[in-house]
Amino acid sequence: MWLVIQKGGYLMYPIALCSIFALGIFLERLWTYVKVRKEFRELAHQVEPLVAKDHREDAITVCHKSNSPLAQVFLAALRAAGRSREQIKAVVEETGRRESAPLQRFLGLMGTIATISPLLGLLGTVLGMIRAFNVIASQGMGTPATLGGGISEALVTTAAGMTVAIPVILAHRYLSSKLDQLIIEMEDYSLRLVDLLGK
């Protein structure tokens, strides 16, 4: 692996860093989404029976103890209890939009990595070809050995950039779909609570 990085030139280092950052983001977001989904279910299973029995103060206490984004949505709904269903729903939707924003953390950076990785590879290709043409300009046609360094650098960086970009794009799409599922779940739990409070 080290030999491949050396053959690709100095642009292989930012490409390698991009792959490390992307892997770190993927693992952190995946772990976060699994944890948040579990918190959603546990909180809903605690709060819904309390609200159904009209123990709203106990439900508020449970929400205060949770760090889940859903807890803030539930708190907003519980504080709006007594209003019409439409008013409670409007409060819940506004809070839900605000609380879902942190769940998108780092996804933009991951998308940027997927975009710039092949561009770094392309830049390496251009620099490698410039080096090869400089050899031709200074030594005539030269030999395969003298031209090989620049062409090799061009091909290696292109391959490396695409090797990083393709899995990062797939990982970004996967995390985006997981985020969409989480937001849908949060909306479902919130509307169930709105229905309980609106009765």
N, C-alpha and C. Protein backbone atom coordinates (compact mmCIF):
# COMPACT_ATOMS: atom_id res chain seq x y z
N MET A 1 0.83 -1.21 0.00
CA MET A 1 0.00 0.00 0.00
C MET A 1 0.87 1.26 0.00
N TRP A 2 1.92 1.25 0.81
CA TRP A 2 2.82 2.39 0.87
C TRP A 2 3.49 2.65 -0.47
N LEU A 3 3.84 1.56 -1.19
CA LEU A 3 4.46 1.70 -2.50
C LEU A 3 3.50 2.34 -3.50
N VAL A 4 2.23 1.97 -3.40
CA VAL A 4 1.21 2.54 -4.30
C VAL A 4 1.08 4.04 -4.04
N ILE A 5 1.06 4.44 -2.75
CA ILE A 5 0.97 5.86 -2.40
C ILE A 5 2.18 6.62 -2.93
N GLN A 6 3.36 6.02 -2.79
CA GLN A 6 4.57 6.66 -3.29
C GLN A 6 4.54 6.83 -4.81
N LYS A 7 4.06 5.81 -5.51
CA LYS A 7 3.99 5.87 -6.97
C LYS A 7 3.00 6.94 -7.44
N GLY A 8 1.96 7.17 -6.66
CA GLY A 8 0.93 8.13 -7.07
C GLY A 8 1.31 9.58 -6.84
N GLY A 9 2.37 9.82 -6.08
CA GLY A 9 2.79 11.19 -5.83
C GLY A 9 2.12 11.77 -4.59
N TYR A 10 2.40 13.04 -4.34
CA TYR A 10 1.94 13.66 -3.09
C TYR A 10 0.43 13.82 -3.01
N LEU A 11 -0.28 13.81 -4.14
CA LEU A 11 -1.75 13.92 -4.10
C LEU A 11 -2.41 12.67 -3.54
N MET A 12 -1.65 11.60 -3.42
CA MET A 12 -2.20 10.39 -2.80
C MET A 12 -2.48 10.60 -1.31
N TYR A 13 -1.75 11.52 -0.69
CA TYR A 13 -1.96 11.76 0.75
C TYR A 13 -3.32 12.37 1.05
N PRO A 14 -3.73 13.45 0.35
CA PRO A 14 -5.10 13.94 0.61
C PRO A 14 -6.18 12.94 0.22
N ILE A 15 -5.93 12.13 -0.81
CA ILE A 15 -6.91 11.11 -1.18
C ILE A 15 -7.03 10.08 -0.06
N ALA A 16 -5.89 9.68 0.50
CA ALA A 16 -5.91 8.73 1.62
C ALA A 16 -6.61 9.33 2.83
N LEU A 17 -6.36 10.62 3.11
CA LEU A 17 -7.03 11.29 4.23
C LEU A 17 -8.54 11.35 4.01
N CYS A 18 -8.94 11.59 2.78
CA CYS A 18 -10.38 11.60 2.46
C CYS A 18 -11.02 10.26 2.79
N SER A 19 -10.32 9.18 2.46
CA SER A 19 -10.88 7.85 2.73
C SER A 19 -10.99 7.59 4.23
N ILE A 20 -10.00 8.06 4.99
CA ILE A 20 -10.03 7.87 6.46
C ILE A 20 -11.16 8.68 7.08
N PHE A 21 -11.30 9.95 6.66
CA PHE A 21 -12.39 10.79 7.17
C PHE A 21 -13.75 10.19 6.84
N ALA A 22 -13.90 9.72 5.60
CA ALA A 22 -15.19 9.16 5.16
C ALA A 22 -15.54 7.91 5.97
N LEU A 23 -14.55 7.06 6.21
CA LEU A 23 -14.80 5.86 7.01
C LEU A 23 -15.20 6.23 8.43
N GLY A 24 -14.50 7.21 9.01
CA GLY A 24 -14.84 7.66 10.37
C GLY A 24 -16.25 8.21 10.46
N ILE A 25 -16.63 9.04 9.48
CA ILE A 25 -17.98 9.61 9.46
C ILE A 25 -19.02 8.51 9.32
N PHE A 26 -18.77 7.55 8.42
CA PHE A 26 -19.73 6.47 8.19
C PHE A 26 -19.97 5.68 9.48
N LEU A 27 -18.89 5.29 10.15
CA LEU A 27 -19.03 4.48 11.37
C LEU A 27 -19.71 5.27 12.48
N GLU A 28 -19.34 6.57 12.63
CA GLU A 28 -19.94 7.39 13.68
C GLU A 28 -21.43 7.61 13.44
N ARG A 29 -21.81 7.92 12.19
CA ARG A 29 -23.22 8.15 11.88
C ARG A 29 -24.04 6.87 12.01
N LEU A 30 -23.45 5.76 11.56
CA LEU A 30 -24.17 4.48 11.65
C LEU A 30 -24.47 4.14 13.10
N TRP A 31 -23.45 4.29 13.96
CA TRP A 31 -23.62 4.00 15.38
C TRP A 31 -24.64 4.96 15.99
N THR A 32 -24.59 6.24 15.61
CA THR A 32 -25.53 7.23 16.12
C THR A 32 -26.95 6.90 15.72
N TYR A 33 -27.16 6.52 14.46
CA TYR A 33 -28.52 6.23 13.99
C TYR A 33 -29.10 4.99 14.67
N VAL A 34 -28.28 3.98 14.90
CA VAL A 34 -28.75 2.79 15.61
C VAL A 34 -29.15 3.16 17.04
N LYS A 35 -28.31 3.97 17.69
CA LYS A 35 -28.57 4.38 19.08
C LYS A 35 -29.83 5.25 19.17
N VAL A 36 -29.98 6.18 18.24
CA VAL A 36 -31.14 7.09 18.26
C VAL A 36 -32.43 6.32 18.01
N ARG A 37 -32.39 5.36 17.09
CA ARG A 37 -33.59 4.56 16.82
C ARG A 37 -34.02 3.79 18.08
N LYS A 38 -33.05 3.23 18.78
CA LYS A 38 -33.35 2.51 20.03
C LYS A 38 -33.94 3.46 21.07
N GLU A 39 -33.38 4.67 21.16
CA GLU A 39 -33.89 5.66 22.11
C GLU A 39 -35.32 6.07 21.76
N PHE A 40 -35.62 6.21 20.47
CA PHE A 40 -36.98 6.55 20.02
C PHE A 40 -37.99 5.53 20.56
N ARG A 41 -37.67 4.26 20.33
CA ARG A 41 -38.61 3.21 20.71
C ARG A 41 -38.79 3.13 22.23
N GLU A 42 -37.69 3.22 22.96
CA GLU A 42 -37.78 3.15 24.43
C GLU A 42 -38.59 4.32 24.98
N LEU A 43 -38.33 5.52 24.46
CA LEU A 43 -39.04 6.71 24.95
C LEU A 43 -40.53 6.62 24.63
N ALA A 44 -40.86 6.22 23.41
CA ALA A 44 -42.28 6.12 23.03
C ALA A 44 -43.00 5.09 23.89
N HIS A 45 -42.35 3.97 24.19
CA HIS A 45 -42.98 2.93 25.00
C HIS A 45 -43.16 3.37 26.45
N GLN A 46 -42.37 4.35 26.90
CA GLN A 46 -42.54 4.87 28.25
C GLN A 46 -43.58 5.98 28.31
N VAL A 47 -43.55 6.87 27.33
CA VAL A 47 -44.38 8.07 27.38
C VAL A 47 -45.83 7.79 26.99
N GLU A 48 -46.05 7.01 25.95
CA GLU A 48 -47.41 6.80 25.44
C GLU A 48 -48.37 6.24 26.49
N PRO A 49 -47.96 5.19 27.27
CA PRO A 49 -48.89 4.70 28.30
C PRO A 49 -49.20 5.75 29.38
N LEU A 50 -48.21 6.58 29.71
CA LEU A 50 -48.44 7.62 30.72
C LEU A 50 -49.44 8.65 30.22
N VAL A 51 -49.30 9.06 28.96
CA VAL A 51 -50.22 10.04 28.40
C VAL A 51 -51.61 9.44 28.27
N ALA A 52 -51.68 8.16 27.90
CA ALA A 52 -52.99 7.49 27.76
C ALA A 52 -53.73 7.46 29.10
N LYS A 53 -52.96 7.39 30.21
CA LYS A 53 -53.56 7.39 31.55
C LYS A 53 -53.68 8.79 32.14
N ASP A 54 -53.35 9.81 31.32
CA ASP A 54 -53.43 11.21 31.72
C ASP A 54 -52.42 11.58 32.80
N HIS A 55 -51.27 10.90 32.81
CA HIS A 55 -50.18 11.22 33.74
C HIS A 55 -49.14 12.08 32.99
N ARG A 56 -49.55 13.28 32.64
CA ARG A 56 -48.68 14.12 31.80
C ARG A 56 -47.42 14.59 32.52
N GLU A 57 -47.53 14.87 33.81
CA GLU A 57 -46.34 15.32 34.55
C GLU A 57 -45.28 14.23 34.59
N ASP A 58 -45.74 12.98 34.76
CA ASP A 58 -44.78 11.85 34.75
C ASP A 58 -44.15 11.71 33.36
N ALA A 59 -44.94 11.92 32.33
CA ALA A 59 -44.42 11.84 30.96
C ALA A 59 -43.39 12.94 30.71
N ILE A 60 -43.64 14.14 31.22
CA ILE A 60 -42.68 15.24 31.08
C ILE A 60 -41.38 14.91 31.81
N THR A 61 -41.49 14.30 32.97
CA THR A 61 -40.29 13.90 33.73
C THR A 61 -39.46 12.89 32.94
N VAL A 62 -40.14 11.93 32.34
CA VAL A 62 -39.44 10.92 31.53
C VAL A 62 -38.72 11.59 30.36
N CYS A 63 -39.37 12.54 29.71
CA CYS A 63 -38.76 13.24 28.56
C CYS A 63 -37.54 14.04 28.98
N HIS A 64 -37.60 14.67 30.16
CA HIS A 64 -36.47 15.45 30.64
C HIS A 64 -35.24 14.58 30.89
N LYS A 65 -35.45 13.32 31.19
CA LYS A 65 -34.33 12.42 31.47
C LYS A 65 -33.68 11.87 30.20
N SER A 66 -34.33 12.06 29.06
CA SER A 66 -33.83 11.51 27.80
C SER A 66 -33.08 12.56 26.99
N ASN A 67 -32.03 12.11 26.30
CA ASN A 67 -31.28 13.00 25.40
C ASN A 67 -31.71 12.84 23.94
N SER A 68 -32.74 12.05 23.72
CA SER A 68 -33.20 11.78 22.36
C SER A 68 -33.84 13.02 21.74
N PRO A 69 -33.65 13.23 20.43
CA PRO A 69 -34.35 14.35 19.76
C PRO A 69 -35.87 14.24 19.90
N LEU A 70 -36.36 13.00 19.97
CA LEU A 70 -37.80 12.78 20.11
C LEU A 70 -38.31 13.32 21.44
N ALA A 71 -37.46 13.32 22.47
CA ALA A 71 -37.87 13.81 23.79
C ALA A 71 -38.27 15.28 23.71
N GLN A 72 -37.52 16.08 22.94
CA GLN A 72 -37.85 17.50 22.81
C GLN A 72 -39.17 17.69 22.05
N VAL A 73 -39.40 16.83 21.07
CA VAL A 73 -40.67 16.90 20.32
C VAL A 73 -41.83 16.53 21.24
N PHE A 74 -41.64 15.47 22.04
CA PHE A 74 -42.68 15.07 22.99
C PHE A 74 -42.95 16.18 24.02
N LEU A 75 -41.87 16.81 24.51
CA LEU A 75 -42.04 17.90 25.48
C LEU A 75 -42.85 19.04 24.89
N ALA A 76 -42.56 19.39 23.65
CA ALA A 76 -43.31 20.46 22.99
C ALA A 76 -44.79 20.10 22.89
N ALA A 77 -45.06 18.85 22.56
CA ALA A 77 -46.45 18.40 22.45
C ALA A 77 -47.14 18.41 23.81
N LEU A 78 -46.44 17.93 24.84
CA LEU A 78 -47.03 17.87 26.18
C LEU A 78 -47.31 19.26 26.74
N ARG A 79 -46.41 20.21 26.43
CA ARG A 79 -46.62 21.59 26.90
C ARG A 79 -47.78 22.26 26.17
N ALA A 80 -48.06 21.78 24.96
CA ALA A 80 -49.17 22.35 24.18
C ALA A 80 -50.48 21.63 24.44
N ALA A 81 -50.45 20.66 25.37
CA ALA A 81 -51.68 19.90 25.68
C ALA A 81 -52.78 20.85 26.12
N GLY A 82 -53.99 20.57 25.67
CA GLY A 82 -55.14 21.43 25.98
C GLY A 82 -55.55 22.27 24.79
N ARG A 83 -54.63 22.47 23.84
CA ARG A 83 -54.98 23.19 22.62
C ARG A 83 -55.65 22.22 21.64
N SER A 84 -56.04 22.74 20.50
CA SER A 84 -56.65 21.87 19.48
C SER A 84 -55.60 20.96 18.88
N ARG A 85 -56.06 19.89 18.25
CA ARG A 85 -55.13 18.93 17.63
C ARG A 85 -54.26 19.60 16.59
N GLU A 86 -54.84 20.49 15.80
CA GLU A 86 -54.09 21.18 14.74
C GLU A 86 -52.97 22.04 15.32
N GLN A 87 -53.26 22.70 16.44
CA GLN A 87 -52.24 23.54 17.07
C GLN A 87 -51.11 22.71 17.65
N ILE A 88 -51.45 21.60 18.29
CA ILE A 88 -50.43 20.70 18.84
C ILE A 88 -49.57 20.14 17.71
N LYS A 89 -50.23 19.75 16.62
CA LYS A 89 -49.50 19.19 15.48
C LYS A 89 -48.53 20.22 14.88
N ALA A 90 -48.96 21.47 14.79
CA ALA A 90 -48.09 22.52 14.24
C ALA A 90 -46.86 22.72 15.12
N VAL A 91 -47.04 22.70 16.44
CA VAL A 91 -45.91 22.83 17.37
C VAL A 91 -44.96 21.66 17.22
N VAL A 92 -45.53 20.46 17.10
CA VAL A 92 -44.72 19.24 16.96
C VAL A 92 -43.92 19.26 15.66
N GLU A 93 -44.53 19.68 14.57
CA GLU A 93 -43.84 19.73 13.28
C GLU A 93 -42.69 20.72 13.30
N GLU A 94 -42.91 21.88 13.91
CA GLU A 94 -41.85 22.89 13.99
C GLU A 94 -40.69 22.40 14.84
N THR A 95 -40.99 21.78 15.98
CA THR A 95 -39.94 21.25 16.85
C THR A 95 -39.22 20.09 16.18
N GLY A 96 -39.97 19.25 15.47
CA GLY A 96 -39.38 18.11 14.78
C GLY A 96 -38.37 18.53 13.72
N ARG A 97 -38.69 19.59 12.98
CA ARG A 97 -37.75 20.10 11.97
C ARG A 97 -36.45 20.57 12.62
N ARG A 98 -36.60 21.25 13.75
CA ARG A 98 -35.42 21.76 14.45
C ARG A 98 -34.58 20.62 15.04
N GLU A 99 -35.24 19.63 15.60
CA GLU A 99 -34.52 18.54 16.27
C GLU A 99 -33.91 17.53 15.29
N SER A 100 -34.45 17.47 14.08
CA SER A 100 -33.91 16.52 13.10
C SER A 100 -32.64 17.05 12.42
N ALA A 101 -32.41 18.37 12.51
CA ALA A 101 -31.24 18.97 11.85
C ALA A 101 -29.91 18.38 12.33
N PRO A 102 -29.69 18.19 13.66
CA PRO A 102 -28.41 17.62 14.10
C PRO A 102 -28.17 16.18 13.61
N LEU A 103 -29.22 15.48 13.25
CA LEU A 103 -29.05 14.11 12.74
C LEU A 103 -28.36 14.10 11.38
N GLN A 104 -28.37 15.25 10.70
CA GLN A 104 -27.73 15.34 9.38
C GLN A 104 -26.24 15.70 9.49
N ARG A 105 -25.75 15.80 10.71
CA ARG A 105 -24.36 16.20 10.95
C ARG A 105 -23.38 15.34 10.18
N PHE A 106 -22.41 15.96 9.55
CA PHE A 106 -21.31 15.33 8.81
C PHE A 106 -21.72 14.74 7.45
N LEU A 107 -23.02 14.63 7.17
CA LEU A 107 -23.41 14.05 5.88
C LEU A 107 -22.99 14.96 4.72
N GLY A 108 -23.05 16.27 4.95
CA GLY A 108 -22.59 17.21 3.93
C GLY A 108 -21.11 17.06 3.65
N LEU A 109 -20.33 16.87 4.73
CA LEU A 109 -18.88 16.66 4.57
C LEU A 109 -18.60 15.38 3.80
N MET A 110 -19.39 14.35 4.08
CA MET A 110 -19.21 13.09 3.37
C MET A 110 -19.52 13.24 1.88
N GLY A 111 -20.55 14.00 1.56
CA GLY A 111 -20.86 14.28 0.16
C GLY A 111 -19.75 15.07 -0.53
N THR A 112 -19.15 15.99 0.23
CA THR A 112 -18.03 16.76 -0.31
C THR A 112 -16.83 15.87 -0.60
N ILE A 113 -16.56 14.93 0.30
CA ILE A 113 -15.45 13.98 0.09
C ILE A 113 -15.69 13.15 -1.17
N ALA A 114 -16.94 12.71 -1.35
CA ALA A 114 -17.27 11.92 -2.54
C ALA A 114 -17.07 12.74 -3.82
N THR A 115 -17.25 14.06 -3.72
CA THR A 115 -17.08 14.93 -4.89
C THR A 115 -15.62 15.23 -5.18
N ILE A 116 -14.84 15.54 -4.12
CA ILE A 116 -13.47 16.00 -4.36
C ILE A 116 -12.48 14.86 -4.58
N SER A 117 -12.78 13.65 -4.13
CA SER A 117 -11.83 12.54 -4.29
C SER A 117 -11.49 12.27 -5.76
N PRO A 118 -12.48 12.11 -6.65
CA PRO A 118 -12.12 11.91 -8.07
C PRO A 118 -11.48 13.15 -8.69
N LEU A 119 -11.83 14.34 -8.16
CA LEU A 119 -11.20 15.56 -8.68
C LEU A 119 -9.71 15.60 -8.31
N LEU A 120 -9.39 15.15 -7.09
CA LEU A 120 -7.98 15.05 -6.71
C LEU A 120 -7.25 14.05 -7.59
N GLY A 121 -7.94 12.93 -7.88
CA GLY A 121 -7.36 11.94 -8.79
C GLY A 121 -7.13 12.51 -10.18
N LEU A 122 -8.11 13.29 -10.64
CA LEU A 122 -7.98 13.92 -11.96
C LEU A 122 -6.83 14.93 -11.97
N LEU A 123 -6.69 15.68 -10.86
CA LEU A 123 -5.58 16.62 -10.76
C LEU A 123 -4.24 15.88 -10.82
N GLY A 124 -4.18 14.73 -10.15
CA GLY A 124 -2.97 13.91 -10.22
C GLY A 124 -2.69 13.43 -11.63
N THR A 125 -3.75 13.12 -12.35
CA THR A 125 -3.61 12.70 -13.75
C THR A 125 -3.01 13.82 -14.59
N VAL A 126 -3.55 15.03 -14.41
CA VAL A 126 -3.06 16.18 -15.17
C VAL A 126 -1.60 16.46 -14.85
N LEU A 127 -1.25 16.44 -13.56
CA LEU A 127 0.14 16.71 -13.17
C LEU A 127 1.08 15.63 -13.68
N GLY A 128 0.62 14.38 -13.65
CA GLY A 128 1.44 13.27 -14.17
C GLY A 128 1.68 13.41 -15.67
N MET A 129 0.65 13.79 -16.41
CA MET A 129 0.80 13.97 -17.85
C MET A 129 1.69 15.17 -18.17
N ILE A 130 1.58 16.22 -17.35
CA ILE A 130 2.48 17.37 -17.54
C ILE A 130 3.93 16.94 -17.36
N ARG A 131 4.16 16.12 -16.33
CA ARG A 131 5.52 15.63 -16.10
C ARG A 131 6.01 14.81 -17.29
N ALA A 132 5.14 13.97 -17.83
CA ALA A 132 5.53 13.14 -18.98
C ALA A 132 5.85 14.00 -20.20
N PHE A 133 5.04 15.04 -20.44
CA PHE A 133 5.30 15.92 -21.58
C PHE A 133 6.55 16.78 -21.37
N ASN A 134 6.85 17.11 -20.13
CA ASN A 134 8.09 17.84 -19.83
C ASN A 134 9.32 16.99 -20.17
N VAL A 135 9.21 15.69 -19.90
CA VAL A 135 10.30 14.77 -20.26
C VAL A 135 10.47 14.75 -21.77
N ILE A 136 9.34 14.68 -22.49
CA ILE A 136 9.41 14.68 -23.96
C ILE A 136 10.02 15.99 -24.47
N ALA A 137 9.63 17.11 -23.85
CA ALA A 137 10.13 18.41 -24.29
C ALA A 137 11.63 18.56 -24.06
N SER A 138 12.12 17.99 -22.95
CA SER A 138 13.54 18.18 -22.62
C SER A 138 14.43 17.10 -23.21
N GLN A 139 13.91 15.89 -23.44
CA GLN A 139 14.75 14.78 -23.88
C GLN A 139 14.32 14.19 -25.22
N GLY A 140 13.41 14.86 -25.91
CA GLY A 140 12.87 14.26 -27.12
C GLY A 140 11.81 13.24 -26.71
N MET A 141 11.66 12.20 -27.48
CA MET A 141 10.67 11.17 -27.15
C MET A 141 11.05 10.39 -25.91
N GLY A 142 12.34 10.39 -25.55
CA GLY A 142 12.77 9.68 -24.35
C GLY A 142 12.61 8.19 -24.49
N THR A 143 12.59 7.53 -23.36
CA THR A 143 12.46 6.07 -23.33
C THR A 143 11.23 5.72 -22.51
N PRO A 144 10.73 4.49 -22.64
CA PRO A 144 9.60 4.08 -21.79
C PRO A 144 9.88 4.28 -20.31
N ALA A 145 11.15 4.10 -19.91
CA ALA A 145 11.50 4.24 -18.49
C ALA A 145 11.34 5.69 -18.03
N THR A 146 11.75 6.64 -18.86
CA THR A 146 11.66 8.05 -18.45
C THR A 146 10.22 8.57 -18.49
N LEU A 147 9.41 8.06 -19.42
CA LEU A 147 8.02 8.50 -19.52
C LEU A 147 7.12 7.78 -18.52
N GLY A 148 7.56 6.59 -18.12
CA GLY A 148 6.71 5.74 -17.29
C GLY A 148 6.34 6.36 -15.95
N GLY A 149 7.28 7.14 -15.35
CA GLY A 149 7.00 7.72 -14.04
C GLY A 149 5.79 8.63 -14.06
N GLY A 150 5.76 9.56 -15.01
CA GLY A 150 4.65 10.50 -15.07
C GLY A 150 3.34 9.83 -15.41
N ILE A 151 3.37 8.91 -16.37
CA ILE A 151 2.13 8.21 -16.76
C ILE A 151 1.64 7.33 -15.62
N SER A 152 2.56 6.66 -14.92
CA SER A 152 2.18 5.82 -13.79
C SER A 152 1.51 6.65 -12.70
N GLU A 153 2.09 7.82 -12.41
CA GLU A 153 1.50 8.70 -11.39
C GLU A 153 0.09 9.12 -11.82
N ALA A 154 -0.08 9.42 -13.11
CA ALA A 154 -1.38 9.83 -13.61
C ALA A 154 -2.42 8.73 -13.42
N LEU A 155 -2.08 7.51 -13.76
CA LEU A 155 -3.02 6.40 -13.67
C LEU A 155 -3.32 6.02 -12.22
N VAL A 156 -2.30 6.02 -11.36
CA VAL A 156 -2.50 5.62 -9.97
C VAL A 156 -3.41 6.60 -9.23
N THR A 157 -3.20 7.89 -9.42
CA THR A 157 -4.03 8.87 -8.71
C THR A 157 -5.48 8.83 -9.19
N THR A 158 -5.68 8.64 -10.48
CA THR A 158 -7.04 8.52 -11.01
C THR A 158 -7.75 7.32 -10.39
N ALA A 159 -7.06 6.19 -10.38
CA ALA A 159 -7.65 4.97 -9.81
C ALA A 159 -7.93 5.16 -8.32
N ALA A 160 -6.99 5.79 -7.61
CA ALA A 160 -7.17 5.99 -6.17
C ALA A 160 -8.36 6.90 -5.88
N GLY A 161 -8.48 7.99 -6.64
CA GLY A 161 -9.60 8.91 -6.43
C GLY A 161 -10.94 8.24 -6.65
N MET A 162 -11.04 7.43 -7.69
CA MET A 162 -12.30 6.74 -7.96
C MET A 162 -12.55 5.63 -6.96
N THR A 163 -11.48 4.98 -6.50
CA THR A 163 -11.62 3.92 -5.50
C THR A 163 -12.18 4.46 -4.20
N VAL A 164 -11.81 5.69 -3.86
CA VAL A 164 -12.36 6.33 -2.66
C VAL A 164 -13.78 6.82 -2.92
N ALA A 165 -14.01 7.47 -4.06
CA ALA A 165 -15.29 8.13 -4.32
C ALA A 165 -16.46 7.15 -4.42
N ILE A 166 -16.27 6.03 -5.09
CA ILE A 166 -17.39 5.10 -5.33
C ILE A 166 -17.99 4.56 -4.04
N PRO A 167 -17.17 3.98 -3.12
CA PRO A 167 -17.78 3.52 -1.86
C PRO A 167 -18.31 4.64 -0.99
N VAL A 168 -17.69 5.83 -1.05
CA VAL A 168 -18.19 6.95 -0.25
C VAL A 168 -19.56 7.39 -0.74
N ILE A 169 -19.76 7.41 -2.05
CA ILE A 169 -21.09 7.75 -2.60
C ILE A 169 -22.13 6.74 -2.13
N LEU A 170 -21.78 5.46 -2.19
CA LEU A 170 -22.71 4.42 -1.73
C LEU A 170 -23.00 4.54 -0.24
N ALA A 171 -21.96 4.81 0.55
CA ALA A 171 -22.13 4.96 2.00
C ALA A 171 -23.00 6.18 2.31
N HIS A 172 -22.80 7.27 1.56
CA HIS A 172 -23.60 8.48 1.76
C HIS A 172 -25.07 8.22 1.45
N ARG A 173 -25.32 7.50 0.36
CA ARG A 173 -26.71 7.17 0.01
C ARG A 173 -27.35 6.29 1.09
N TYR A 174 -26.56 5.33 1.60
CA TYR A 174 -27.06 4.42 2.64
C TYR A 174 -27.42 5.20 3.90
N LEU A 175 -26.52 6.09 4.34
CA LEU A 175 -26.78 6.89 5.54
C LEU A 175 -27.96 7.83 5.34
N SER A 176 -28.08 8.37 4.14
CA SER A 176 -29.21 9.27 3.85
C SER A 176 -30.54 8.52 3.95
N SER A 177 -30.55 7.27 3.48
CA SER A 177 -31.78 6.47 3.58
C SER A 177 -32.08 6.14 5.03
N LYS A 178 -31.05 5.86 5.83
CA LYS A 178 -31.23 5.60 7.26
C LYS A 178 -31.79 6.83 7.97
N LEU A 179 -31.27 8.00 7.59
CA LEU A 179 -31.75 9.25 8.18
C LEU A 179 -33.22 9.48 7.82
N ASP A 180 -33.58 9.24 6.58
CA ASP A 180 -34.98 9.39 6.16
C ASP A 180 -35.89 8.49 6.98
N GLN A 181 -35.45 7.24 7.21
CA GLN A 181 -36.24 6.30 8.01
C GLN A 181 -36.41 6.80 9.44
N LEU A 182 -35.32 7.36 10.00
CA LEU A 182 -35.38 7.89 11.37
C LEU A 182 -36.38 9.04 11.47
N ILE A 183 -36.33 9.94 10.49
CA ILE A 183 -37.23 11.10 10.51
C ILE A 183 -38.68 10.65 10.38
N ILE A 184 -38.92 9.65 9.53
CA ILE A 184 -40.27 9.11 9.38
C ILE A 184 -40.74 8.49 10.70
N GLU A 185 -39.84 7.74 11.36
CA GLU A 185 -40.19 7.15 12.66
C GLU A 185 -40.52 8.22 13.67
N MET A 186 -39.70 9.28 13.71
CA MET A 186 -39.94 10.37 14.65
C MET A 186 -41.29 11.02 14.38
N GLU A 187 -41.63 11.19 13.12
CA GLU A 187 -42.93 11.77 12.77
C GLU A 187 -44.07 10.85 13.20
N ASP A 188 -43.89 9.54 13.00
CA ASP A 188 -44.94 8.58 13.38
C ASP A 188 -45.19 8.61 14.89
N TYR A 189 -44.11 8.54 15.66
CA TYR A 189 -44.25 8.57 17.13
C TYR A 189 -44.88 9.89 17.58
N SER A 190 -44.48 10.99 16.95
CA SER A 190 -44.99 12.30 17.33
C SER A 190 -46.48 12.41 17.04
N LEU A 191 -46.91 11.91 15.87
CA LEU A 191 -48.33 11.99 15.52
C LEU A 191 -49.18 11.09 16.41
N ARG A 192 -48.60 9.96 16.83
CA ARG A 192 -49.33 9.09 17.77
C ARG A 192 -49.57 9.83 19.09
N LEU A 193 -48.55 10.58 19.53
CA LEU A 193 -48.72 11.34 20.77
C LEU A 193 -49.73 12.47 20.58
N VAL A 194 -49.66 13.12 19.42
CA VAL A 194 -50.63 14.19 19.11
C VAL A 194 -52.05 13.64 19.16
N ASP A 195 -52.25 12.46 18.61
CA ASP A 195 -53.59 11.84 18.63
C ASP A 195 -54.04 11.56 20.05
N LEU A 196 -53.10 11.12 20.91
CA LEU A 196 -53.46 10.85 22.31
C LEU A 196 -53.83 12.15 23.03
N LEU A 197 -53.07 13.20 22.78
CA LEU A 197 -53.32 14.48 23.45
C LEU A 197 -54.54 15.20 22.91
N GLY A 198 -54.85 14.94 21.63
CA GLY A 198 -55.96 15.62 20.99
C GLY A 198 -57.31 15.03 21.31
N LYS A 199 -57.32 13.87 21.99
CA LYS A 199 -58.60 13.24 22.31
C LYS A 199 -59.30 13.98 23.45
